[in-house]
Amino acid sequence: KAMFDNVRDLITTGHSHGDLGKLAALSGVHKFPARVKCALLPWHAVA
């Protein structure tokens, strides 16, 4: 849950709270609003 919240912030704003390792690769998605839901879909399913 905490990781999901952090990654959601990263994907929607480009900022995270803490080290996300390779998940930081998703940081550029926020520049493409049409792709935010694409990046978040697997996270919602996992949750």
All heavy atoms as atom14 arrays in JSON, in Angstrom:
{
  "sequence": "KAMFDNVRDLITTGHSHGDLGKLAALSGVHKFPARVKCALLPWHAVA",
  "atom14_mask": [
    [1, 1, 1, 1, 1, 1, 1, 1, 1, 0, 0, 0, 0, 0],
    [1, 1, 1, 1, 1, 0, 0, 0, 0, 0, 0, 0, 0, 0],
    [1, 1, 1, 1, 1, 1, 1, 1, 0, 0, 0, 0, 0, 0],
    [1, 1, 1, 1, 1, 1, 1, 1, 1, 1, 1, 0, 0, 0],
    [1, 1, 1, 1, 1, 1, 1, 1, 0, 0, 0, 0, 0, 0],
    [1, 1, 1, 1, 1, 1, 1, 1, 0, 0, 0, 0, 0, 0],
    [1, 1, 1, 1, 1, 1, 1, 0, 0, 0, 0, 0, 0, 0],
    [1, 1, 1, 1, 1, 1, 1, 1, 1, 1, 1, 0, 0, 0],
    [1, 1, 1, 1, 1, 1, 1, 1, 0, 0, 0, 0, 0, 0],
    [1, 1, 1, 1, 1, 1, 1, 1, 0, 0, 0, 0, 0, 0],
    [1, 1, 1, 1, 1, 1, 1, 1, 0, 0, 0, 0, 0, 0],
    [1, 1, 1, 1, 1, 1, 1, 0, 0, 0, 0, 0, 0, 0],
    [1, 1, 1, 1, 1, 1, 1, 0, 0, 0, 0, 0, 0, 0],
    [1, 1, 1, 1, 0, 0, 0, 0, 0, 0, 0, 0, 0, 0],
    [1, 1, 1, 1, 1, 1, 1, 1, 1, 1, 0, 0, 0, 0],
    [1, 1, 1, 1, 1, 1, 0, 0, 0, 0, 0, 0, 0, 0],
    [1, 1, 1, 1, 1, 1, 1, 1, 1, 1, 0, 0, 0, 0],
    [1, 1, 1, 1, 0, 0, 0, 0, 0, 0, 0, 0, 0, 0],
    [1, 1, 1, 1, 1, 1, 1, 1, 0, 0, 0, 0, 0, 0],
    [1, 1, 1, 1, 1, 1, 1, 1, 0, 0, 0, 0, 0, 0],
    [1, 1, 1, 1, 0, 0, 0, 0, 0, 0, 0, 0, 0, 0],
    [1, 1, 1, 1, 1, 1, 1, 1, 1, 0, 0, 0, 0, 0],
    [1, 1, 1, 1, 1, 1, 1, 1, 0, 0, 0, 0, 0, 0],
    [1, 1, 1, 1, 1, 0, 0, 0, 0, 0, 0, 0, 0, 0],
    [1, 1, 1, 1, 1, 0, 0, 0, 0, 0, 0, 0, 0, 0],
    [1, 1, 1, 1, 1, 1, 1, 1, 0, 0, 0, 0, 0, 0],
    [1, 1, 1, 1, 1, 1, 0, 0, 0, 0, 0, 0, 0, 0],
    [1, 1, 1, 1, 0, 0, 0, 0, 0, 0, 0, 0, 0, 0],
    [1, 1, 1, 1, 1, 1, 1, 0, 0, 0, 0, 0, 0, 0],
    [1, 1, 1, 1, 1, 1, 1, 1, 1, 1, 0, 0, 0, 0],
    [1, 1, 1, 1, 1, 1, 1, 1, 1, 0, 0, 0, 0, 0],
    [1, 1, 1, 1, 1, 1, 1, 1, 1, 1, 1, 0, 0, 0],
    [1, 1, 1, 1, 1, 1, 1, 0, 0, 0, 0, 0, 0, 0],
    [1, 1, 1, 1, 1, 0, 0, 0, 0, 0, 0, 0, 0, 0],
    [1, 1, 1, 1, 1, 1, 1, 1, 1, 1, 1, 0, 0, 0],
    [1, 1, 1, 1, 1, 1, 1, 0, 0, 0, 0, 0, 0, 0],
    [1, 1, 1, 1, 1, 1, 1, 1, 1, 0, 0, 0, 0, 0],
    [1, 1, 1, 1, 1, 1, 0, 0, 0, 0, 0, 0, 0, 0],
    [1, 1, 1, 1, 1, 0, 0, 0, 0, 0, 0, 0, 0, 0],
    [1, 1, 1, 1, 1, 1, 1, 1, 0, 0, 0, 0, 0, 0],
    [1, 1, 1, 1, 1, 1, 1, 1, 0, 0, 0, 0, 0, 0],
    [1, 1, 1, 1, 1, 1, 1, 0, 0, 0, 0, 0, 0, 0],
    [1, 1, 1, 1, 1, 1, 1, 1, 1, 1, 1, 1, 1, 1],
    [1, 1, 1, 1, 1, 1, 1, 1, 1, 1, 0, 0, 0, 0],
    [1, 1, 1, 1, 1, 0, 0, 0, 0, 0, 0, 0, 0, 0],
    [1, 1, 1, 1, 1, 1, 1, 0, 0, 0, 0, 0, 0, 0],
    [1, 1, 1, 1, 1, 0, 0, 0, 0, 0, 0, 0, 0, 0]
  ],
  "atom14_positions": [
    [[0.84, -1.21, 0.0], [0.0, 0.0, 0.0], [0.87, 1.25, 0.0], [0.62, 2.19, -0.77], [-0.93, -0.02, 1.22], [-1.66, 1.28, 1.49], [-2.86, 1.47, 0.61], [-3.72, 2.64, 1.04], [-3.48, 3.87, 0.36], [0.0, 0.0, 0.0], [0.0, 0.0, 0.0], [0.0, 0.0, 0.0], [0.0, 0.0, 0.0], [0.0, 0.0, 0.0]],
    [[1.88, 1.29, 0.85], [2.77, 2.46, 0.92], [3.52, 2.65, -0.4], [3.66, 3.78, -0.88], [3.76, 2.3, 2.08], [0.0, 0.0, 0.0], [0.0, 0.0, 0.0], [0.0, 0.0, 0.0], [0.0, 0.0, 0.0], [0.0, 0.0, 0.0], [0.0, 0.0, 0.0], [0.0, 0.0, 0.0], [0.0, 0.0, 0.0], [0.0, 0.0, 0.0]],
    [[3.98, 1.55, -0.99], [4.7, 1.64, -2.26], [3.75, 2.11, -3.37], [4.13, 2.92, -4.21], [5.32, 0.29, -2.6], [6.39, 0.36, -3.64], [7.23, -1.23, -3.71], [8.87, -0.68, -3.38], [0.0, 0.0, 0.0], [0.0, 0.0, 0.0], [0.0, 0.0, 0.0], [0.0, 0.0, 0.0], [0.0, 0.0, 0.0], [0.0, 0.0, 0.0]],
    [[2.53, 1.6, -3.37], [1.53, 2.03, -4.35], [1.3, 3.54, -4.25], [1.3, 4.24, -5.26], [0.22, 1.28, -4.15], [-0.92, 1.81, -4.99], [-0.94, 1.61, -6.36], [-1.95, 2.5, -4.41], [-1.98, 2.1, -7.13], [-3.0, 2.98, -5.17], [-3.01, 2.79, -6.53], [0.0, 0.0, 0.0], [0.0, 0.0, 0.0], [0.0, 0.0, 0.0]],
    [[1.12, 4.05, -3.04], [0.9, 5.48, -2.85], [2.09, 6.29, -3.36], [1.92, 7.32, -4.01], [0.65, 5.8, -1.38], [-0.69, 5.26, -0.88], [-1.57, 4.95, -1.71], [-0.84, 5.14, 0.36], [0.0, 0.0, 0.0], [0.0, 0.0, 0.0], [0.0, 0.0, 0.0], [0.0, 0.0, 0.0], [0.0, 0.0, 0.0], [0.0, 0.0, 0.0]],
    [[3.3, 5.81, -3.08], [4.51, 6.5, -3.51], [4.63, 6.48, -5.04], [4.93, 7.5, -5.67], [5.73, 5.86, -2.86], [6.97, 6.73, -2.92], [6.93, 7.87, -3.39], [8.07, 6.19, -2.47], [0.0, 0.0, 0.0], [0.0, 0.0, 0.0], [0.0, 0.0, 0.0], [0.0, 0.0, 0.0], [0.0, 0.0, 0.0], [0.0, 0.0, 0.0]],
    [[4.39, 5.33, -5.64], [4.49, 5.22, -7.1], [3.38, 6.03, -7.77], [3.6, 6.66, -8.8], [4.46, 3.74, -7.54], [4.28, 3.6, -9.04], [5.73, 3.05, -7.11], [0.0, 0.0, 0.0], [0.0, 0.0, 0.0], [0.0, 0.0, 0.0], [0.0, 0.0, 0.0], [0.0, 0.0, 0.0], [0.0, 0.0, 0.0], [0.0, 0.0, 0.0]],
    [[2.19, 6.05, -7.18], [1.11, 6.88, -7.75], [1.53, 8.35, -7.76], [1.31, 9.05, -8.75], [-0.19, 6.69, -6.96], [-1.34, 7.52, -7.56], [-2.65, 7.31, -6.86], [-2.49, 7.29, -5.42], [-3.27, 6.59, -4.6], [-4.23, 5.85, -5.09], [-3.07, 6.64, -3.31], [0.0, 0.0, 0.0], [0.0, 0.0, 0.0], [0.0, 0.0, 0.0]],
    [[2.15, 8.82, -6.69], [2.64, 10.2, -6.66], [3.69, 10.41, -7.75], [3.69, 11.42, -8.44], [3.23, 10.55, -5.29], [2.17, 10.7, -4.22], [0.96, 10.79, -4.56], [2.54, 10.71, -3.03], [0.0, 0.0, 0.0], [0.0, 0.0, 0.0], [0.0, 0.0, 0.0], [0.0, 0.0, 0.0], [0.0, 0.0, 0.0], [0.0, 0.0, 0.0]],
    [[4.6, 9.44, -7.89], [5.64, 9.53, -8.91], [5.04, 9.62, -10.31], [5.43, 10.46, -11.12], [6.57, 8.32, -8.82], [7.66, 8.23, -9.89], [8.74, 9.26, -9.62], [8.23, 6.83, -9.94], [0.0, 0.0, 0.0], [0.0, 0.0, 0.0], [0.0, 0.0, 0.0], [0.0, 0.0, 0.0], [0.0, 0.0, 0.0], [0.0, 0.0, 0.0]],
    [[4.08, 8.76, -10.6], [3.49, 8.68, -11.93], [2.63, 9.92, -12.23], [2.59, 10.38, -13.37], [2.68, 7.38, -12.09], [3.64, 6.18, -12.13], [1.81, 7.4, -13.34], [2.95, 4.83, -12.04], [0.0, 0.0, 0.0], [0.0, 0.0, 0.0], [0.0, 0.0, 0.0], [0.0, 0.0, 0.0], [0.0, 0.0, 0.0], [0.0, 0.0, 0.0]],
    [[1.96, 10.46, -11.23], [1.08, 11.6, -11.47], [1.78, 12.95, -11.36], [1.35, 13.91, -11.99], [-0.14, 11.57, -10.52], [0.31, 11.58, -9.17], [-1.01, 10.36, -10.79], [0.0, 0.0, 0.0], [0.0, 0.0, 0.0], [0.0, 0.0, 0.0], [0.0, 0.0, 0.0], [0.0, 0.0, 0.0], [0.0, 0.0, 0.0], [0.0, 0.0, 0.0]],
    [[2.87, 13.03, -10.57], [3.54, 14.33, -10.38], [5.01, 14.34, -10.79], [5.59, 15.41, -10.95], [3.48, 14.76, -8.9], [4.31, 13.9, -8.12], [2.05, 14.76, -8.37], [0.0, 0.0, 0.0], [0.0, 0.0, 0.0], [0.0, 0.0, 0.0], [0.0, 0.0, 0.0], [0.0, 0.0, 0.0], [0.0, 0.0, 0.0], [0.0, 0.0, 0.0]],
    [[5.62, 13.17, -10.89], [7.04, 13.1, -11.18], [7.9, 13.11, -9.93], [9.13, 13.06, -10.01], [0.0, 0.0, 0.0], [0.0, 0.0, 0.0], [0.0, 0.0, 0.0], [0.0, 0.0, 0.0], [0.0, 0.0, 0.0], [0.0, 0.0, 0.0], [0.0, 0.0, 0.0], [0.0, 0.0, 0.0], [0.0, 0.0, 0.0], [0.0, 0.0, 0.0]],
    [[7.27, 13.16, -8.76], [8.0, 13.21, -7.49], [7.61, 12.03, -6.61], [6.45, 11.63, -6.58], [7.71, 14.51, -6.74], [8.01, 15.73, -7.53], [9.28, 16.14, -7.83], [7.18, 16.62, -8.13], [9.24, 17.23, -8.57], [7.97, 17.55, -8.77], [0.0, 0.0, 0.0], [0.0, 0.0, 0.0], [0.0, 0.0, 0.0], [0.0, 0.0, 0.0]],
    [[8.59, 11.52, -5.88], [8.32, 10.43, -4.95], [8.92, 10.78, -3.6], [9.7, 11.71, -3.48], [8.93, 9.12, -5.46], [10.33, 9.2, -5.45], [0.0, 0.0, 0.0], [0.0, 0.0, 0.0], [0.0, 0.0, 0.0], [0.0, 0.0, 0.0], [0.0, 0.0, 0.0], [0.0, 0.0, 0.0], [0.0, 0.0, 0.0], [0.0, 0.0, 0.0]],
    [[8.54, 10.01, -2.59], [9.11, 10.2, -1.25], [9.96, 8.98, -0.96], [9.44, 7.97, -0.51], [8.04, 10.37, -0.18], [6.64, 10.29, -0.65], [5.97, 11.36, -1.18], [5.76, 9.26, -0.71], [4.75, 10.99, -1.52], [4.6, 9.72, -1.25], [0.0, 0.0, 0.0], [0.0, 0.0, 0.0], [0.0, 0.0, 0.0], [0.0, 0.0, 0.0]],
    [[11.22, 9.07, -1.28], [12.11, 7.95, -0.99], [12.59, 7.26, -2.25], [12.14, 7.52, -3.36], [0.0, 0.0, 0.0], [0.0, 0.0, 0.0], [0.0, 0.0, 0.0], [0.0, 0.0, 0.0], [0.0, 0.0, 0.0], [0.0, 0.0, 0.0], [0.0, 0.0, 0.0], [0.0, 0.0, 0.0], [0.0, 0.0, 0.0], [0.0, 0.0, 0.0]],
    [[13.5, 6.32, -2.04], [14.13, 5.59, -3.13], [13.19, 4.49, -3.63], [12.75, 3.66, -2.85], [15.44, 4.98, -2.65], [16.16, 4.21, -3.73], [15.93, 4.49, -4.93], [16.97, 3.32, -3.39], [0.0, 0.0, 0.0], [0.0, 0.0, 0.0], [0.0, 0.0, 0.0], [0.0, 0.0, 0.0], [0.0, 0.0, 0.0], [0.0, 0.0, 0.0]],
    [[12.9, 4.5, -4.91], [12.04, 3.48, -5.5], [12.82, 2.51, -6.37], [12.22, 1.65, -7.01], [10.94, 4.14, -6.34], [9.85, 4.85, -5.55], [8.92, 5.61, -6.48], [9.07, 3.84, -4.73], [0.0, 0.0, 0.0], [0.0, 0.0, 0.0], [0.0, 0.0, 0.0], [0.0, 0.0, 0.0], [0.0, 0.0, 0.0], [0.0, 0.0, 0.0]],
    [[14.12, 2.65, -6.43], [14.92, 1.75, -7.25], [14.51, 1.84, -8.71], [14.29, 2.92, -9.25], [0.0, 0.0, 0.0], [0.0, 0.0, 0.0], [0.0, 0.0, 0.0], [0.0, 0.0, 0.0], [0.0, 0.0, 0.0], [0.0, 0.0, 0.0], [0.0, 0.0, 0.0], [0.0, 0.0, 0.0], [0.0, 0.0, 0.0], [0.0, 0.0, 0.0]],
    [[14.36, 0.68, -9.34], [14.02, 0.64, -10.77], [12.64, 1.21, -11.06], [12.35, 1.61, -12.19], [14.1, -0.79, -11.3], [15.52, -1.31, -11.39], [15.54, -2.72, -11.94], [16.96, -3.22, -12.04], [17.0, -4.6, -12.57], [0.0, 0.0, 0.0], [0.0, 0.0, 0.0], [0.0, 0.0, 0.0], [0.0, 0.0, 0.0], [0.0, 0.0, 0.0]],
    [[11.77, 1.25, -10.06], [10.44, 1.82, -10.28], [10.52, 3.31, -10.64], [9.59, 3.86, -11.23], [9.57, 1.64, -9.04], [9.17, 0.2, -8.73], [8.52, 0.12, -7.36], [8.23, -0.33, -9.8], [0.0, 0.0, 0.0], [0.0, 0.0, 0.0], [0.0, 0.0, 0.0], [0.0, 0.0, 0.0], [0.0, 0.0, 0.0], [0.0, 0.0, 0.0]],
    [[11.64, 3.94, -10.35], [11.83, 5.35, -10.72], [11.77, 5.54, -12.23], [11.55, 6.65, -12.72], [13.16, 5.86, -10.17], [0.0, 0.0, 0.0], [0.0, 0.0, 0.0], [0.0, 0.0, 0.0], [0.0, 0.0, 0.0], [0.0, 0.0, 0.0], [0.0, 0.0, 0.0], [0.0, 0.0, 0.0], [0.0, 0.0, 0.0], [0.0, 0.0, 0.0]],
    [[11.93, 4.45, -12.98], [11.84, 4.54, -14.44], [10.47, 5.03, -14.88], [10.32, 5.53, -16.0], [12.14, 3.17, -15.06], [0.0, 0.0, 0.0], [0.0, 0.0, 0.0], [0.0, 0.0, 0.0], [0.0, 0.0, 0.0], [0.0, 0.0, 0.0], [0.0, 0.0, 0.0], [0.0, 0.0, 0.0], [0.0, 0.0, 0.0], [0.0, 0.0, 0.0]],
    [[9.47, 4.92, -14.03], [8.12, 5.37, -14.36], [7.94, 6.88, -14.15], [6.87, 7.41, -14.41], [7.1, 4.61, -13.53], [7.05, 3.1, -13.76], [6.22, 2.41, -12.68], [6.5, 2.8, -15.15], [0.0, 0.0, 0.0], [0.0, 0.0, 0.0], [0.0, 0.0, 0.0], [0.0, 0.0, 0.0], [0.0, 0.0, 0.0], [0.0, 0.0, 0.0]],
    [[8.98, 7.56, -13.72], [8.87, 8.98, -13.38], [8.47, 9.87, -14.56], [7.83, 10.89, -14.38], [10.18, 9.5, -12.77], [11.23, 9.41, -13.73], [0.0, 0.0, 0.0], [0.0, 0.0, 0.0], [0.0, 0.0, 0.0], [0.0, 0.0, 0.0], [0.0, 0.0, 0.0], [0.0, 0.0, 0.0], [0.0, 0.0, 0.0], [0.0, 0.0, 0.0]],
    [[8.85, 9.5, -15.77], [8.53, 10.33, -16.92], [7.1, 10.24, -17.39], [6.65, 11.06, -18.2], [0.0, 0.0, 0.0], [0.0, 0.0, 0.0], [0.0, 0.0, 0.0], [0.0, 0.0, 0.0], [0.0, 0.0, 0.0], [0.0, 0.0, 0.0], [0.0, 0.0, 0.0], [0.0, 0.0, 0.0], [0.0, 0.0, 0.0], [0.0, 0.0, 0.0]],
    [[6.34, 9.29, -16.87], [4.96, 9.1, -17.32], [4.11, 10.33, -17.04], [3.21, 10.66, -17.83], [4.34, 7.84, -16.69], [2.87, 7.71, -17.03], [5.09, 6.59, -17.11], [0.0, 0.0, 0.0], [0.0, 0.0, 0.0], [0.0, 0.0, 0.0], [0.0, 0.0, 0.0], [0.0, 0.0, 0.0], [0.0, 0.0, 0.0], [0.0, 0.0, 0.0]],
    [[4.41, 11.05, -15.97], [3.58, 12.22, -15.63], [3.57, 13.27, -16.75], [2.66, 14.08, -16.84], [4.04, 12.84, -14.3], [5.23, 13.73, -14.43], [6.51, 13.23, -14.52], [5.33, 15.07, -14.5], [7.35, 14.25, -14.63], [6.66, 15.37, -14.62], [0.0, 0.0, 0.0], [0.0, 0.0, 0.0], [0.0, 0.0, 0.0], [0.0, 0.0, 0.0]],
    [[4.57, 13.23, -17.61], [4.63, 14.19, -18.73], [3.62, 13.83, -19.83], [3.42, 14.62, -20.75], [6.03, 14.2, -19.33], [7.1, 14.69, -18.37], [8.47, 14.58, -19.0], [9.55, 14.88, -18.0], [10.89, 14.61, -18.54], [0.0, 0.0, 0.0], [0.0, 0.0, 0.0], [0.0, 0.0, 0.0], [0.0, 0.0, 0.0], [0.0, 0.0, 0.0]],
    [[3.03, 12.65, -19.74], [2.09, 12.17, -20.75], [0.79, 11.78, -20.06], [0.55, 10.6, -19.78], [2.69, 10.97, -21.5], [4.03, 11.27, -22.09], [5.2, 10.94, -21.41], [4.14, 11.92, -23.32], [6.44, 11.23, -21.94], [5.37, 12.21, -23.86], [6.53, 11.88, -23.18], [0.0, 0.0, 0.0], [0.0, 0.0, 0.0], [0.0, 0.0, 0.0]],
    [[-0.07, 12.76, -19.76], [-1.29, 12.49, -18.99], [-2.15, 11.35, -19.53], [-2.77, 10.63, -18.75], [-2.05, 13.82, -19.04], [-0.98, 14.85, -19.27], [0.06, 14.17, -20.11], [0.0, 0.0, 0.0], [0.0, 0.0, 0.0], [0.0, 0.0, 0.0], [0.0, 0.0, 0.0], [0.0, 0.0, 0.0], [0.0, 0.0, 0.0], [0.0, 0.0, 0.0]],
    [[-2.16, 11.16, -20.82], [-2.96, 10.08, -21.4], [-2.42, 8.71, -21.02], [-3.13, 7.71, -21.13], [-3.01, 10.21, -22.93], [0.0, 0.0, 0.0], [0.0, 0.0, 0.0], [0.0, 0.0, 0.0], [0.0, 0.0, 0.0], [0.0, 0.0, 0.0], [0.0, 0.0, 0.0], [0.0, 0.0, 0.0], [0.0, 0.0, 0.0], [0.0, 0.0, 0.0]],
    [[-1.18, 8.63, -20.55], [-0.56, 7.35, -20.2], [-0.52, 7.08, -18.7], [-0.11, 6.0, -18.27], [0.87, 7.29, -20.75], [0.92, 7.28, -22.25], [0.25, 6.05, -22.72], [0.27, 5.95, -24.18], [-0.53, 5.16, -24.86], [-1.4, 4.41, -24.23], [-0.45, 5.11, -26.15], [0.0, 0.0, 0.0], [0.0, 0.0, 0.0], [0.0, 0.0, 0.0]],
    [[-0.96, 8.03, -17.89], [-0.94, 7.84, -16.44], [-1.78, 6.64, -16.04], [-1.35, 5.79, -15.25], [-1.41, 9.13, -15.72], [-1.71, 8.87, -14.25], [-0.33, 10.21, -15.85], [0.0, 0.0, 0.0], [0.0, 0.0, 0.0], [0.0, 0.0, 0.0], [0.0, 0.0, 0.0], [0.0, 0.0, 0.0], [0.0, 0.0, 0.0], [0.0, 0.0, 0.0]],
    [[-2.99, 6.51, -16.6], [-3.85, 5.38, -16.26], [-3.24, 4.06, -16.71], [-3.43, 3.03, -16.06], [-5.24, 5.56, -16.86], [-6.02, 6.66, -16.18], [-7.4, 6.8, -16.78], [-8.18, 7.89, -16.07], [-9.55, 8.0, -16.6], [0.0, 0.0, 0.0], [0.0, 0.0, 0.0], [0.0, 0.0, 0.0], [0.0, 0.0, 0.0], [0.0, 0.0, 0.0]],
    [[-2.5, 4.08, -17.81], [-1.84, 2.86, -18.29], [-0.82, 2.37, -17.26], [-0.75, 1.18, -16.97], [-1.12, 3.13, -19.62], [-2.19, 3.65, -20.97], [0.0, 0.0, 0.0], [0.0, 0.0, 0.0], [0.0, 0.0, 0.0], [0.0, 0.0, 0.0], [0.0, 0.0, 0.0], [0.0, 0.0, 0.0], [0.0, 0.0, 0.0], [0.0, 0.0, 0.0]],
    [[-0.05, 3.3, -16.73], [0.99, 2.94, -15.76], [0.41, 2.54, -14.41], [0.99, 1.72, -13.7], [1.97, 4.11, -15.59], [0.0, 0.0, 0.0], [0.0, 0.0, 0.0], [0.0, 0.0, 0.0], [0.0, 0.0, 0.0], [0.0, 0.0, 0.0], [0.0, 0.0, 0.0], [0.0, 0.0, 0.0], [0.0, 0.0, 0.0], [0.0, 0.0, 0.0]],
    [[-0.75, 3.09, -14.06], [-1.35, 2.79, -12.76], [-2.23, 1.55, -12.76], [-2.47, 0.96, -11.71], [-2.16, 4.0, -12.27], [-1.33, 5.18, -11.81], [-2.22, 6.36, -11.46], [-0.45, 4.81, -10.62], [0.0, 0.0, 0.0], [0.0, 0.0, 0.0], [0.0, 0.0, 0.0], [0.0, 0.0, 0.0], [0.0, 0.0, 0.0], [0.0, 0.0, 0.0]],
    [[-2.71, 1.13, -13.92], [-3.62, -0.01, -13.98], [-3.08, -1.25, -13.26], [-3.77, -1.82, -12.41], [-3.98, -0.35, -15.43], [-4.81, -1.62, -15.59], [-6.18, -1.46, -14.93], [-4.95, -1.97, -17.05], [0.0, 0.0, 0.0], [0.0, 0.0, 0.0], [0.0, 0.0, 0.0], [0.0, 0.0, 0.0], [0.0, 0.0, 0.0], [0.0, 0.0, 0.0]],
    [[-1.85, -1.7, -13.56], [-1.37, -2.9, -12.86], [-1.29, -2.72, -11.34], [-1.52, -3.66, -10.59], [0.02, -3.16, -13.45], [0.15, -2.28, -14.63], [-0.9, -1.22, -14.53], [0.0, 0.0, 0.0], [0.0, 0.0, 0.0], [0.0, 0.0, 0.0], [0.0, 0.0, 0.0], [0.0, 0.0, 0.0], [0.0, 0.0, 0.0], [0.0, 0.0, 0.0]],
    [[-1.01, -1.51, -10.9], [-0.94, -1.24, -9.46], [-2.3, -1.39, -8.81], [-2.43, -1.94, -7.72], [-0.35, 0.15, -9.21], [1.11, 0.17, -9.48], [1.73, 0.43, -10.67], [2.14, -0.15, -8.56], [3.08, 0.31, -10.52], [3.37, -0.04, -9.25], [2.15, -0.51, -7.21], [4.58, -0.28, -8.62], [3.36, -0.74, -6.59], [4.56, -0.63, -7.3]],
    [[-3.35, -0.88, -9.48], [-4.7, -1.03, -8.94], [-5.09, -2.5, -8.89], [-5.72, -2.95, -7.93], [-5.7, -0.23, -9.77], [-5.63, 1.23, -9.54], [-6.02, 1.83, -8.36], [-5.2, 2.24, -10.34], [-5.85, 3.13, -8.43], [-5.35, 3.42, -9.63], [0.0, 0.0, 0.0], [0.0, 0.0, 0.0], [0.0, 0.0, 0.0], [0.0, 0.0, 0.0]],
    [[-4.73, -3.26, -9.91], [-5.05, -4.69, -9.94], [-4.3, -5.43, -8.83], [-4.88, -6.29, -8.15], [-4.72, -5.29, -11.31], [0.0, 0.0, 0.0], [0.0, 0.0, 0.0], [0.0, 0.0, 0.0], [0.0, 0.0, 0.0], [0.0, 0.0, 0.0], [0.0, 0.0, 0.0], [0.0, 0.0, 0.0], [0.0, 0.0, 0.0], [0.0, 0.0, 0.0]],
    [[-3.04, -5.11, -8.62], [-2.27, -5.74, -7.55], [-2.87, -5.39, -6.19], [-3.0, -6.26, -5.32], [-0.78, -5.35, -7.62], [-0.07, -5.65, -6.32], [-0.1, -6.06, -8.77], [0.0, 0.0, 0.0], [0.0, 0.0, 0.0], [0.0, 0.0, 0.0], [0.0, 0.0, 0.0], [0.0, 0.0, 0.0], [0.0, 0.0, 0.0], [0.0, 0.0, 0.0]],
    [[-3.25, -4.14, -6.01], [-3.86, -3.74, -4.74], [-5.12, -4.56, -4.47], [-5.34, -5.05, -3.36], [-4.17, -2.25, -4.74], [0.0, 0.0, 0.0], [0.0, 0.0, 0.0], [0.0, 0.0, 0.0], [0.0, 0.0, 0.0], [0.0, 0.0, 0.0], [0.0, 0.0, 0.0], [0.0, 0.0, 0.0], [0.0, 0.0, 0.0], [0.0, 0.0, 0.0]]
  ]
}
